[in-house]
Amino acid sequence: QPELVESGGGSVQAGGTLRLSCRHIDRLSSSCMGWFRLASGKVREAVATMDRYGTTVYADSVRGRFTISRDNAANTLYLQMNSLKPEDTATYYCAAQGNCYTMNEASFRYWGQGTQVTVSS
């Protein structure tokens, strides 16, 4: 059983919305979890993280447009993406057990397989 499984990606026009989901195994419910993205020709970057207490950190590029949340009863992490821009096009990854506050991807132990988000202008 994979630890993390993302879903919810797709293709939308600029200004549209998408919600990504990440189902995780039960023992990760108390872990720091986050979303990262990898765009073509770029390095993977942090998007948002949430610790076990609900403290969130966002990348400047998405703050005010994206919202990270989690439902521990459903073992699911979410990323609500509003006002999408073409530059948000990327493969989005869910990650767990890392440093929520530095958002350093190298610190995250578990990764999902990724889900593609494409935003057209």
PDB file of N, CA and C in Angstrom:
ATOM      1  N   GLN A   1       0.848  -1.181   0.000  1.00  0.00           N
ATOM      2  CA  GLN A   1       0.000   0.000   0.000  1.00  0.00           C
ATOM      3  C   GLN A   1       0.888   1.236   0.000  1.00  0.00           C
ATOM      4  N   PRO A   2       0.714   2.110  -1.009  1.00  0.00           N
ATOM      5  CA  PRO A   2       1.522   3.334  -1.018  1.00  0.00           C
ATOM      6  C   PRO A   2       1.145   4.239   0.138  1.00  0.00           C
ATOM      7  N   GLU A   3       2.134   4.979   0.645  1.00  0.00           N
ATOM      8  CA  GLU A   3       1.869   5.870   1.772  1.00  0.00           C
ATOM      9  C   GLU A   3       1.032   7.079   1.373  1.00  0.00           C
ATOM     10  N   LEU A   4       1.239   7.561   0.143  1.00  0.00           N
ATOM     11  CA  LEU A   4       0.562   8.773  -0.321  1.00  0.00           C
ATOM     12  C   LEU A   4       0.056   8.566  -1.745  1.00  0.00           C
ATOM     13  N   VAL A   5      -1.172   8.943  -2.023  1.00  0.00           N
ATOM     14  CA  VAL A   5      -1.730   8.857  -3.369  1.00  0.00           C
ATOM     15  C   VAL A   5      -2.483  10.139  -3.689  1.00  0.00           C
ATOM     16  N   GLU A   6      -1.995  10.869  -4.695  1.00  0.00           N
ATOM     17  CA  GLU A   6      -2.632  12.126  -5.080  1.00  0.00           C
ATOM     18  C   GLU A   6      -3.719  11.886  -6.132  1.00  0.00           C
ATOM     19  N   SER A   7      -4.653  12.820  -6.189  1.00  0.00           N
ATOM     20  CA  SER A   7      -5.683  12.831  -7.226  1.00  0.00           C
ATOM     21  C   SER A   7      -6.212  14.254  -7.369  1.00  0.00           C
ATOM     22  N   GLY A   8      -6.965  14.481  -8.427  1.00  0.00           N
ATOM     23  CA  GLY A   8      -7.621  15.770  -8.595  1.00  0.00           C
ATOM     24  C   GLY A   8      -7.010  16.692  -9.613  1.00  0.00           C
ATOM     25  N   GLY A   9      -5.897  16.287 -10.210  1.00  0.00           N
ATOM     26  CA  GLY A   9      -5.297  17.133 -11.229  1.00  0.00           C
ATOM     27  C   GLY A   9      -6.155  17.181 -12.479  1.00  0.00           C
ATOM     28  N   GLY A  10      -5.791  18.069 -13.385  1.00  0.00           N
ATOM     29  CA  GLY A  10      -6.537  18.185 -14.629  1.00  0.00           C
ATOM     30  C   GLY A  10      -6.135  19.416 -15.392  1.00  0.00           C
ATOM     31  N   SER A  11      -6.943  19.756 -16.389  1.00  0.00           N
ATOM     32  CA  SER A  11      -6.677  20.919 -17.235  1.00  0.00           C
ATOM     33  C   SER A  11      -7.784  21.950 -17.035  1.00  0.00           C
ATOM     34  N   VAL A  12      -7.379  23.184 -16.801  1.00  0.00           N
ATOM     35  CA  VAL A  12      -8.334  24.267 -16.612  1.00  0.00           C
ATOM     36  C   VAL A  12      -7.825  25.510 -17.315  1.00  0.00           C
ATOM     37  N   GLN A  13      -8.718  26.455 -17.506  1.00  0.00           N
ATOM     38  CA  GLN A  13      -8.318  27.745 -18.061  1.00  0.00           C
ATOM     39  C   GLN A  13      -7.869  28.673 -16.934  1.00  0.00           C
ATOM     40  N   ALA A  14      -7.080  29.655 -17.302  1.00  0.00           N
ATOM     41  CA  ALA A  14      -6.621  30.648 -16.332  1.00  0.00           C
ATOM     42  C   ALA A  14      -7.822  31.254 -15.615  1.00  0.00           C
ATOM     43  N   GLY A  15      -7.666  31.414 -14.298  1.00  0.00           N
ATOM     44  CA  GLY A  15      -8.754  31.920 -13.484  1.00  0.00           C
ATOM     45  C   GLY A  15      -9.613  30.836 -12.871  1.00  0.00           C
ATOM     46  N   GLY A  16      -9.417  29.604 -13.328  1.00  0.00           N
ATOM     47  CA  GLY A  16     -10.211  28.490 -12.841  1.00  0.00           C
ATOM     48  C   GLY A  16      -9.732  27.956 -11.501  1.00  0.00           C
ATOM     49  N   THR A  17     -10.406  26.899 -11.059  1.00  0.00           N
ATOM     50  CA  THR A  17     -10.086  26.302  -9.766  1.00  0.00           C
ATOM     51  C   THR A  17      -9.914  24.789  -9.911  1.00  0.00           C
ATOM     52  N   LEU A  18      -9.133  24.226  -9.021  1.00  0.00           N
ATOM     53  CA  LEU A  18      -8.974  22.785  -8.894  1.00  0.00           C
ATOM     54  C   LEU A  18      -8.740  22.484  -7.421  1.00  0.00           C
ATOM     55  N   ARG A  19      -9.119  21.291  -7.006  1.00  0.00           N
ATOM     56  CA  ARG A  19      -8.791  20.833  -5.668  1.00  0.00           C
ATOM     57  C   ARG A  19      -8.054  19.509  -5.771  1.00  0.00           C
ATOM     58  N   LEU A  20      -6.853  19.488  -5.246  1.00  0.00           N
ATOM     59  CA  LEU A  20      -6.064  18.263  -5.205  1.00  0.00           C
ATOM     60  C   LEU A  20      -6.302  17.559  -3.875  1.00  0.00           C
ATOM     61  N   SER A  21      -6.269  16.239  -3.938  1.00  0.00           N
ATOM     62  CA  SER A  21      -6.409  15.428  -2.731  1.00  0.00           C
ATOM     63  C   SER A  21      -5.213  14.497  -2.619  1.00  0.00           C
ATOM     64  N   CYS A  22      -4.865  14.166  -1.395  1.00  0.00           N
ATOM     65  CA  CYS A  22      -3.776  13.226  -1.135  1.00  0.00           C
ATOM     66  C   CYS A  22      -4.226  12.289  -0.019  1.00  0.00           C
ATOM     67  N   ARG A  23      -4.559  11.076  -0.405  1.00  0.00           N
ATOM     68  CA  ARG A  23      -4.908  10.067   0.589  1.00  0.00           C
ATOM     69  C   ARG A  23      -3.618   9.512   1.169  1.00  0.00           C
ATOM     70  N   HIS A  24      -3.575   9.370   2.499  1.00  0.00           N
ATOM     71  CA  HIS A  24      -2.356   8.876   3.126  1.00  0.00           C
ATOM     72  C   HIS A  24      -2.662   7.784   4.135  1.00  0.00           C
ATOM     73  N   ILE A  25      -1.631   7.044   4.502  1.00  0.00           N
ATOM     74  CA  ILE A  25      -1.826   6.000   5.498  1.00  0.00           C
ATOM     75  C   ILE A  25      -2.043   6.644   6.865  1.00  0.00           C
ATOM     76  N   ASP A  26      -2.682   5.884   7.738  1.00  0.00           N
ATOM     77  CA  ASP A  26      -3.145   6.448   9.009  1.00  0.00           C
ATOM     78  C   ASP A  26      -2.019   7.035   9.855  1.00  0.00           C
ATOM     79  N   ARG A  27      -0.853   6.385   9.883  1.00  0.00           N
ATOM     80  CA  ARG A  27       0.205   6.830  10.796  1.00  0.00           C
ATOM     81  C   ARG A  27       0.834   8.154  10.386  1.00  0.00           C
ATOM     82  N   LEU A  28       0.490   8.675   9.229  1.00  0.00           N
ATOM     83  CA  LEU A  28       1.003   9.980   8.814  1.00  0.00           C
ATOM     84  C   LEU A  28       0.087  11.124   9.238  1.00  0.00           C
ATOM     85  N   SER A  29      -1.003  10.809   9.899  1.00  0.00           N
ATOM     86  CA  SER A  29      -1.969  11.843  10.290  1.00  0.00           C
ATOM     87  C   SER A  29      -1.378  12.882  11.229  1.00  0.00           C
ATOM     88  N   SER A  30      -0.352  12.515  12.004  1.00  0.00           N
ATOM     89  CA  SER A  30       0.242  13.463  12.950  1.00  0.00           C
ATOM     90  C   SER A  30       1.523  14.078  12.403  1.00  0.00           C
ATOM     91  N   SER A  31       1.784  13.866  11.137  1.00  0.00           N
ATOM     92  CA  SER A  31       3.024  14.357  10.528  1.00  0.00           C
ATOM     93  C   SER A  31       2.823  15.699   9.845  1.00  0.00           C
ATOM     94  N   CYS A  32       3.934  16.402   9.684  1.00  0.00           N
ATOM     95  CA  CYS A  32       3.936  17.547   8.779  1.00  0.00           C
ATOM     96  C   CYS A  32       3.669  17.010   7.375  1.00  0.00           C
ATOM     97  N   MET A  33       2.795  17.677   6.654  1.00  0.00           N
ATOM     98  CA  MET A  33       2.523  17.280   5.270  1.00  0.00           C
ATOM     99  C   MET A  33       2.521  18.513   4.393  1.00  0.00           C
ATOM    100  N   GLY A  34       2.781  18.288   3.110  1.00  0.00           N
ATOM    101  CA  GLY A  34       2.847  19.440   2.233  1.00  0.00           C
ATOM    102  C   GLY A  34       2.661  19.094   0.777  1.00  0.00           C
ATOM    103  N   TRP A  35       2.593  20.146  -0.010  1.00  0.00           N
ATOM    104  CA  TRP A  35       2.483  20.036  -1.461  1.00  0.00           C
ATOM    105  C   TRP A  35       3.700  20.719  -2.101  1.00  0.00           C
ATOM    106  N   PHE A  36       4.243  20.050  -3.095  1.00  0.00           N
ATOM    107  CA  PHE A  36       5.335  20.575  -3.882  1.00  0.00           C
ATOM    108  C   PHE A  36       4.928  20.488  -5.348  1.00  0.00           C
ATOM    109  N   ARG A  37       5.647  21.195  -6.211  1.00  0.00           N
ATOM    110  CA  ARG A  37       5.349  21.094  -7.643  1.00  0.00           C
ATOM    111  C   ARG A  37       6.626  21.162  -8.450  1.00  0.00           C
ATOM    112  N   LEU A  38       6.557  20.509  -9.624  1.00  0.00           N
ATOM    113  CA  LEU A  38       7.679  20.466 -10.545  1.00  0.00           C
ATOM    114  C   LEU A  38       7.180  20.849 -11.921  1.00  0.00           C
ATOM    115  N   ALA A  39       7.637  21.994 -12.383  1.00  0.00           N
ATOM    116  CA  ALA A  39       7.283  22.453 -13.723  1.00  0.00           C
ATOM    117  C   ALA A  39       8.399  22.084 -14.688  1.00  0.00           C
ATOM    118  N   SER A  40       8.033  21.950 -15.935  1.00  0.00           N
ATOM    119  CA  SER A  40       8.995  21.564 -16.959  1.00  0.00           C
ATOM    120  C   SER A  40      10.148  22.562 -17.015  1.00  0.00           C
ATOM    121  N   GLY A  41      11.363  22.046 -16.942  1.00  0.00           N
ATOM    122  CA  GLY A  41      12.542  22.882 -17.026  1.00  0.00           C
ATOM    123  C   GLY A  41      12.908  23.607 -15.764  1.00  0.00           C
ATOM    124  N   LYS A  42      12.214  23.307 -14.672  1.00  0.00           N
ATOM    125  CA  LYS A  42      12.481  23.984 -13.401  1.00  0.00           C
ATOM    126  C   LYS A  42      12.761  22.956 -12.314  1.00  0.00           C
ATOM    127  N   VAL A  43      13.235  23.446 -11.174  1.00  0.00           N
ATOM    128  CA  VAL A  43      13.447  22.567 -10.031  1.00  0.00           C
ATOM    129  C   VAL A  43      12.150  22.473  -9.234  1.00  0.00           C
ATOM    130  N   ARG A  44      12.007  21.395  -8.494  1.00  0.00           N
ATOM    131  CA  ARG A  44      10.805  21.219  -7.693  1.00  0.00           C
ATOM    132  C   ARG A  44      10.780  22.269  -6.594  1.00  0.00           C
ATOM    133  N   GLU A  45       9.612  22.848  -6.358  1.00  0.00           N
ATOM    134  CA  GLU A  45       9.484  23.900  -5.363  1.00  0.00           C
ATOM    135  C   GLU A  45       8.347  23.590  -4.396  1.00  0.00           C
ATOM    136  N   ALA A  46       8.503  24.108  -3.196  1.00  0.00           N
ATOM    137  CA  ALA A  46       7.456  23.955  -2.193  1.00  0.00           C
ATOM    138  C   ALA A  46       6.297  24.872  -2.515  1.00  0.00           C
ATOM    139  N   VAL A  47       5.090  24.382  -2.266  1.00  0.00           N
ATOM    140  CA  VAL A  47       3.882  25.160  -2.493  1.00  0.00           C
ATOM    141  C   VAL A  47       3.256  25.550  -1.154  1.00  0.00           C
ATOM    142  N   ALA A  48       3.016  24.559  -0.302  1.00  0.00           N
ATOM    143  CA  ALA A  48       2.390  24.816   0.996  1.00  0.00           C
ATOM    144  C   ALA A  48       2.621  23.627   1.913  1.00  0.00           C
ATOM    145  N   THR A  49       2.689  23.899   3.197  1.00  0.00           N
ATOM    146  CA  THR A  49       2.808  22.840   4.195  1.00  0.00           C
ATOM    147  C   THR A  49       1.856  23.111   5.354  1.00  0.00           C
ATOM    148  N   MET A  50       1.548  22.027   6.077  1.00  0.00           N
ATOM    149  CA  MET A  50       0.710  22.138   7.272  1.00  0.00           C
ATOM    150  C   MET A  50       1.230  21.166   8.319  1.00  0.00           C
ATOM    151  N   ASP A  51       1.445  21.647   9.536  1.00  0.00           N
ATOM    152  CA  ASP A  51       1.907  20.745  10.588  1.00  0.00           C
ATOM    153  C   ASP A  51       0.713  20.124  11.308  1.00  0.00           C
ATOM    154  N   ARG A  52       0.995  19.312  12.308  1.00  0.00           N
ATOM    155  CA  ARG A  52      -0.053  18.579  13.005  1.00  0.00           C
ATOM    156  C   ARG A  52      -0.982  19.492  13.779  1.00  0.00           C
ATOM    157  N   TYR A  53      -0.546  20.728  14.048  1.00  0.00           N
ATOM    158  CA  TYR A  53      -1.368  21.665  14.805  1.00  0.00           C
ATOM    159  C   TYR A  53      -2.197  22.576  13.911  1.00  0.00           C
ATOM    160  N   GLY A  54      -2.005  22.438  12.599  1.00  0.00           N
ATOM    161  CA  GLY A  54      -2.744  23.274  11.666  1.00  0.00           C
ATOM    162  C   GLY A  54      -2.011  24.517  11.215  1.00  0.00           C
ATOM    163  N   THR A  55      -0.769  24.684  11.663  1.00  0.00           N
ATOM    164  CA  THR A  55       0.023  25.823  11.208  1.00  0.00           C
ATOM    165  C   THR A  55       0.395  25.629   9.742  1.00  0.00           C
ATOM    166  N   THR A  56       0.178  26.667   8.952  1.00  0.00           N
ATOM    167  CA  THR A  56       0.433  26.566   7.520  1.00  0.00           C
ATOM    168  C   THR A  56       1.537  27.524   7.091  1.00  0.00           C
ATOM    169  N   VAL A  57       2.230  27.136   6.034  1.00  0.00           N
ATOM    170  CA  VAL A  57       3.238  27.974   5.396  1.00  0.00           C
ATOM    171  C   VAL A  57       2.986  27.903   3.896  1.00  0.00           C
ATOM    172  N   TYR A  58       3.044  29.049   3.238  1.00  0.00           N
ATOM    173  CA  TYR A  58       2.799  29.094   1.800  1.00  0.00           C
ATOM    174  C   TYR A  58       3.967  29.743   1.066  1.00  0.00           C
ATOM    175  N   ALA A  59       4.181  29.290  -0.155  1.00  0.00           N
ATOM    176  CA  ALA A  59       5.113  29.982  -1.042  1.00  0.00           C
ATOM    177  C   ALA A  59       4.498  31.326  -1.422  1.00  0.00           C
ATOM    178  N   ASP A  60       5.350  32.310  -1.616  1.00  0.00           N
ATOM    179  CA  ASP A  60       4.854  33.642  -1.970  1.00  0.00           C
ATOM    180  C   ASP A  60       4.010  33.615  -3.250  1.00  0.00           C
ATOM    181  N   SER A  61       4.389  32.747  -4.166  1.00  0.00           N
ATOM    182  CA  SER A  61       3.726  32.703  -5.464  1.00  0.00           C
ATOM    183  C   SER A  61       2.279  32.219  -5.402  1.00  0.00           C
ATOM    184  N   VAL A  62       1.898  31.560  -4.304  1.00  0.00           N
ATOM    185  CA  VAL A  62       0.538  31.016  -4.231  1.00  0.00           C
ATOM    186  C   VAL A  62      -0.272  31.577  -3.067  1.00  0.00           C
ATOM    187  N   ARG A  63       0.392  32.324  -2.184  1.00  0.00           N
ATOM    188  CA  ARG A  63      -0.305  32.835  -1.009  1.00  0.00           C
ATOM    189  C   ARG A  63      -1.481  33.707  -1.428  1.00  0.00           C
ATOM    190  N   GLY A  64      -2.633  33.441  -0.813  1.00  0.00           N
ATOM    191  CA  GLY A  64      -3.843  34.172  -1.151  1.00  0.00           C
ATOM    192  C   GLY A  64      -4.672  33.523  -2.238  1.00  0.00           C
ATOM    193  N   ARG A  65      -4.090  32.569  -2.955  1.00  0.00           N
ATOM    194  CA  ARG A  65      -4.823  31.860  -4.019  1.00  0.00           C
ATOM    195  C   ARG A  65      -5.032  30.389  -3.671  1.00  0.00           C
ATOM    196  N   PHE A  66      -4.061  29.788  -3.013  1.00  0.00           N
ATOM    197  CA  PHE A  66      -4.124  28.366  -2.664  1.00  0.00           C
ATOM    198  C   PHE A  66      -4.365  28.222  -1.167  1.00  0.00           C
ATOM    199  N   THR A  67      -5.061  27.142  -0.800  1.00  0.00           N
ATOM    200  CA  THR A  67      -5.309  26.837   0.608  1.00  0.00           C
ATOM    201  C   THR A  67      -5.040  25.362   0.861  1.00  0.00           C
ATOM    202  N   ILE A  68      -4.178  25.096   1.826  1.00  0.00           N
ATOM    203  CA  ILE A  68      -3.905  23.716   2.223  1.00  0.00           C
ATOM    204  C   ILE A  68      -4.765  23.382   3.434  1.00  0.00           C
ATOM    205  N   SER A  69      -5.275  22.162   3.465  1.00  0.00           N
ATOM    206  CA  SER A  69      -6.080  21.727   4.604  1.00  0.00           C
ATOM    207  C   SER A  69      -5.949  20.218   4.724  1.00  0.00           C
ATOM    208  N   ARG A  70      -6.399  19.704   5.862  1.00  0.00           N
ATOM    209  CA  ARG A  70      -6.312  18.262   6.054  1.00  0.00           C
ATOM    210  C   ARG A  70      -7.506  17.785   6.858  1.00  0.00           C
ATOM    211  N   ASP A  71      -7.934  16.572   6.551  1.00  0.00           N
ATOM    212  CA  ASP A  71      -9.009  15.908   7.268  1.00  0.00           C
ATOM    213  C   ASP A  71      -8.421  14.616   7.806  1.00  0.00           C
ATOM    214  N   ASN A  72      -7.995  14.632   9.047  1.00  0.00           N
ATOM    215  CA  ASN A  72      -7.342  13.453   9.602  1.00  0.00           C
ATOM    216  C   ASN A  72      -8.301  12.274   9.737  1.00  0.00           C
ATOM    217  N   ALA A  73      -9.565  12.541   9.933  1.00  0.00           N
ATOM    218  CA  ALA A  73     -10.531  11.438  10.029  1.00  0.00           C
ATOM    219  C   ALA A  73     -10.623  10.682   8.713  1.00  0.00           C
ATOM    220  N   ALA A  74     -10.405  11.415   7.615  1.00  0.00           N
ATOM    221  CA  ALA A  74     -10.463  10.797   6.294  1.00  0.00           C
ATOM    222  C   ALA A  74      -9.072  10.482   5.749  1.00  0.00           C
ATOM    223  N   ASN A  75      -8.029  10.749   6.564  1.00  0.00           N
ATOM    224  CA  ASN A  75      -6.640  10.521   6.120  1.00  0.00           C
ATOM    225  C   ASN A  75      -6.374  11.190   4.772  1.00  0.00           C
ATOM    226  N   THR A  76      -6.769  12.436   4.675  1.00  0.00           N
ATOM    227  CA  THR A  76      -6.628  13.137   3.393  1.00  0.00           C
ATOM    228  C   THR A  76      -6.118  14.556   3.593  1.00  0.00           C
ATOM    229  N   LEU A  77      -5.168  14.924   2.749  1.00  0.00           N
ATOM    230  CA  LEU A  77      -4.638  16.280   2.657  1.00  0.00           C
ATOM    231  C   LEU A  77      -5.189  16.894   1.385  1.00  0.00           C
ATOM    232  N   TYR A  78      -5.523  18.188   1.449  1.00  0.00           N
ATOM    233  CA  TYR A  78      -6.087  18.864   0.280  1.00  0.00           C
ATOM    234  C   TYR A  78      -5.261  20.091  -0.102  1.00  0.00           C
ATOM    235  N   LEU A  79      -5.408  20.482  -1.357  1.00  0.00           N
ATOM    236  CA  LEU A  79      -4.886  21.760  -1.816  1.00  0.00           C
ATOM    237  C   LEU A  79      -5.952  22.379  -2.710  1.00  0.00           C
ATOM    238  N   GLN A  80      -6.614  23.407  -2.192  1.00  0.00           N
ATOM    239  CA  GLN A  80      -7.587  24.144  -2.978  1.00  0.00           C
ATOM    240  C   GLN A  80      -6.858  25.227  -3.752  1.00  0.00           C
ATOM    241  N   MET A  81      -6.995  25.190  -5.062  1.00  0.00           N
ATOM    242  CA  MET A  81      -6.273  26.127  -5.913  1.00  0.00           C
ATOM    243  C   MET A  81      -7.273  27.007  -6.650  1.00  0.00           C
ATOM    244  N   ASN A  82      -7.261  28.286  -6.341  1.00  0.00           N
ATOM    245  CA  ASN A  82      -8.144  29.255  -6.981  1.00  0.00           C
ATOM    246  C   ASN A  82      -7.330  30.232  -7.826  1.00  0.00           C
ATOM    247  N   SER A  83      -8.019  30.926  -8.702  1.00  0.00           N
ATOM    248  CA  SER A  83      -7.370  31.936  -9.545  1.00  0.00           C
ATOM    249  C   SER A  83      -6.103  31.381 -10.201  1.00  0.00           C
ATOM    250  N   LEU A  84      -6.223  30.227 -10.784  1.00  0.00           N
ATOM    251  CA  LEU A  84      -5.062  29.559 -11.369  1.00  0.00           C
ATOM    252  C   LEU A  84      -4.480  30.359 -12.529  1.00  0.00           C
ATOM    253  N   LYS A  85      -3.166  30.280 -12.635  1.00  0.00           N
ATOM    254  CA  LYS A  85      -2.428  30.981 -13.678  1.00  0.00           C
ATOM    255  C   LYS A  85      -1.667  29.968 -14.518  1.00  0.00           C
ATOM    256  N   PRO A  86      -1.328  30.314 -15.757  1.00  0.00           N
ATOM    257  CA  PRO A  86      -0.539  29.376 -16.576  1.00  0.00           C
ATOM    258  C   PRO A  86       0.767  28.961 -15.894  1.00  0.00           C
ATOM    259  N   GLU A  87       1.354  29.850 -15.116  1.00  0.00           N
ATOM    260  CA  GLU A  87       2.605  29.506 -14.433  1.00  0.00           C
ATOM    261  C   GLU A  87       2.426  28.520 -13.287  1.00  0.00           C
ATOM    262  N   ASP A  88       1.176  28.176 -12.975  1.00  0.00           N
ATOM    263  CA  ASP A  88       0.922  27.121 -11.983  1.00  0.00           C
ATOM    264  C   ASP A  88       0.978  25.730 -12.615  1.00  0.00           C
ATOM    265  N   THR A  89       1.110  25.671 -13.919  1.00  0.00           N
ATOM    266  CA  THR A  89       1.203  24.390 -14.605  1.00  0.00           C
ATOM    267  C   THR A  89       2.411  23.610 -14.114  1.00  0.00           C
ATOM    268  N   ALA A  90       2.166  22.391 -13.648  1.00  0.00           N
ATOM    269  CA  ALA A  90       3.239  21.572 -13.073  1.00  0.00           C
ATOM    270  C   ALA A  90       2.661  20.227 -12.656  1.00  0.00           C
ATOM    271  N   THR A  91       3.563  19.322 -12.302  1.00  0.00           N
ATOM    272  CA  THR A  91       3.153  18.110 -11.604  1.00  0.00           C
ATOM    273  C   THR A  91       3.216  18.409 -10.118  1.00  0.00           C
ATOM    274  N   TYR A  92       2.113  18.141  -9.425  1.00  0.00           N
ATOM    275  CA  TYR A  92       2.017  18.448  -7.999  1.00  0.00           C
ATOM    276  C   TYR A  92       2.186  17.163  -7.191  1.00  0.00           C
ATOM    277  N   TYR A  93       3.038  17.252  -6.169  1.00  0.00           N
ATOM    278  CA  TYR A  93       3.368  16.115  -5.324  1.00  0.00           C
ATOM    279  C   TYR A  93       2.956  16.379  -3.886  1.00  0.00           C
ATOM    280  N   CYS A  94       2.420  15.356  -3.276  1.00  0.00           N
ATOM    281  CA  CYS A  94       2.144  15.362  -1.849  1.00  0.00           C
ATOM    282  C   CYS A  94       3.348  14.765  -1.137  1.00  0.00           C
ATOM    283  N   ALA A  95       3.704  15.297   0.016  1.00  0.00           N
ATOM    284  CA  ALA A  95       4.845  14.798   0.765  1.00  0.00           C
ATOM    285  C   ALA A  95       4.525  14.807   2.256  1.00  0.00           C
ATOM    286  N   ALA A  96       5.233  13.958   2.997  1.00  0.00           N
ATOM    287  CA  ALA A  96       4.968  13.851   4.438  1.00  0.00           C
ATOM    288  C   ALA A  96       6.255  13.598   5.202  1.00  0.00           C
ATOM    289  N   GLN A  97       6.199  13.923   6.489  1.00  0.00           N
ATOM    290  CA  GLN A  97       7.319  13.753   7.428  1.00  0.00           C
ATOM    291  C   GLN A  97       8.528  14.555   7.001  1.00  0.00           C
ATOM    292  N   GLY A  98       8.383  15.853   7.048  1.00  0.00           N
ATOM    293  CA  GLY A  98       9.498  16.732   6.739  1.00  0.00           C
ATOM    294  C   GLY A  98       9.441  17.959   7.617  1.00  0.00           C
ATOM    295  N   ASN A  99      10.221  18.969   7.251  1.00  0.00           N
ATOM    296  CA  ASN A  99      10.246  20.205   8.012  1.00  0.00           C
ATOM    297  C   ASN A  99       9.239  21.182   7.418  1.00  0.00           C
ATOM    298  N   CYS A 100       8.134  21.368   8.127  1.00  0.00           N
ATOM    299  CA  CYS A 100       7.055  22.227   7.637  1.00  0.00           C
ATOM    300  C   CYS A 100       7.466  23.690   7.549  1.00  0.00           C
ATOM    301  N   TYR A 101       8.406  24.094   8.371  1.00  0.00           N
ATOM    302  CA  TYR A 101       8.666  25.526   8.526  1.00  0.00           C
ATOM    303  C   TYR A 101       9.718  26.026   7.531  1.00  0.00           C
ATOM    304  N   THR A 102      10.698  25.174   7.203  1.00  0.00           N
ATOM    305  CA  THR A 102      11.667  25.531   6.165  1.00  0.00           C
ATOM    306  C   THR A 102      11.190  25.106   4.787  1.00  0.00           C
ATOM    307  N   MET A 103      10.240  24.171   4.739  1.00  0.00           N
ATOM    308  CA  MET A 103       9.705  23.630   3.481  1.00  0.00           C
ATOM    309  C   MET A 103      10.816  23.039   2.624  1.00  0.00           C
ATOM    310  N   ASN A 104      11.843  22.535   3.250  1.00  0.00           N
ATOM    311  CA  ASN A 104      12.967  21.939   2.538  1.00  0.00           C
ATOM    312  C   ASN A 104      12.559  20.568   2.028  1.00  0.00           C
ATOM    313  N   GLU A 105      12.487  20.395   0.714  1.00  0.00           N
ATOM    314  CA  GLU A 105      11.991  19.129   0.179  1.00  0.00           C
ATOM    315  C   GLU A 105      12.883  17.954   0.558  1.00  0.00           C
ATOM    316  N   ALA A 106      14.178  18.208   0.735  1.00  0.00           N
ATOM    317  CA  ALA A 106      15.082  17.110   1.082  1.00  0.00           C
ATOM    318  C   ALA A 106      14.752  16.523   2.451  1.00  0.00           C
ATOM    319  N   SER A 107      14.025  17.266   3.268  1.00  0.00           N
ATOM    320  CA  SER A 107      13.695  16.784   4.608  1.00  0.00           C
ATOM    321  C   SER A 107      12.478  15.864   4.618  1.00  0.00           C
ATOM    322  N   PHE A 108      11.735  15.797   3.515  1.00  0.00           N
ATOM    323  CA  PHE A 108      10.506  15.001   3.483  1.00  0.00           C
ATOM    324  C   PHE A 108      10.807  13.559   3.126  1.00  0.00           C
ATOM    325  N   ARG A 109      10.244  12.655   3.939  1.00  0.00           N
ATOM    326  CA  ARG A 109      10.574  11.236   3.788  1.00  0.00           C
ATOM    327  C   ARG A 109       9.686  10.531   2.774  1.00  0.00           C
ATOM    328  N   TYR A 110       8.405  10.871   2.749  1.00  0.00           N
ATOM    329  CA  TYR A 110       7.452  10.158   1.899  1.00  0.00           C
ATOM    330  C   TYR A 110       6.923  11.074   0.798  1.00  0.00           C
ATOM    331  N   TRP A 111       6.783  10.488  -0.404  1.00  0.00           N
ATOM    332  CA  TRP A 111       6.312  11.233  -1.563  1.00  0.00           C
ATOM    333  C   TRP A 111       5.265  10.441  -2.321  1.00  0.00           C
ATOM    334  N   GLY A 112       4.282  11.160  -2.872  1.00  0.00           N
ATOM    335  CA  GLY A 112       3.327  10.536  -3.765  1.00  0.00           C
ATOM    336  C   GLY A 112       3.879  10.495  -5.176  1.00  0.00           C
ATOM    337  N   GLN A 113       3.079   9.958  -6.085  1.00  0.00           N
ATOM    338  CA  GLN A 113       3.523   9.780  -7.470  1.00  0.00           C
ATOM    339  C   GLN A 113       3.301  11.020  -8.321  1.00  0.00           C
ATOM    340  N   GLY A 114       2.534  11.961  -7.821  1.00  0.00           N
ATOM    341  CA  GLY A 114       2.303  13.214  -8.527  1.00  0.00           C
ATOM    342  C   GLY A 114       1.019  13.214  -9.336  1.00  0.00           C
ATOM    343  N   THR A 115       0.460  14.412  -9.507  1.00  0.00           N
ATOM    344  CA  THR A 115      -0.727  14.595 -10.342  1.00  0.00           C
ATOM    345  C   THR A 115      -0.532  15.861 -11.171  1.00  0.00           C
ATOM    346  N   GLN A 116      -0.870  15.783 -12.449  1.00  0.00           N
ATOM    347  CA  GLN A 116      -0.582  16.871 -13.374  1.00  0.00           C
ATOM    348  C   GLN A 116      -1.670  17.941 -13.330  1.00  0.00           C
ATOM    349  N   VAL A 117      -1.228  19.190 -13.268  1.00  0.00           N
ATOM    350  CA  VAL A 117      -2.130  20.342 -13.365  1.00  0.00           C
ATOM    351  C   VAL A 117      -1.675  21.182 -14.550  1.00  0.00           C
ATOM    352  N   THR A 118      -2.590  21.444 -15.460  1.00  0.00           N
ATOM    353  CA  THR A 118      -2.282  22.249 -16.641  1.00  0.00           C
ATOM    354  C   THR A 118      -3.258  23.417 -16.706  1.00  0.00           C
ATOM    355  N   VAL A 119      -2.712  24.626 -16.759  1.00  0.00           N
ATOM    356  CA  VAL A 119      -3.535  25.832 -16.818  1.00  0.00           C
ATOM    357  C   VAL A 119      -3.262  26.537 -18.138  1.00  0.00           C
ATOM    358  N   SER A 120      -4.285  26.689 -18.928  1.00  0.00           N
ATOM    359  CA  SER A 120      -4.131  27.332 -20.238  1.00  0.00           C
ATOM    360  C   SER A 120      -4.586  28.786 -20.174  1.00  0.00           C
ATOM    361  N   SER A 121      -3.952  29.602 -21.004  1.00  0.00           N
ATOM    362  CA  SER A 121      -4.280  31.040 -21.011  1.00  0.00           C
ATOM    363  C   SER A 121      -5.434  31.344 -21.948  1.00  0.00           C
TER     364      SER A 121
END
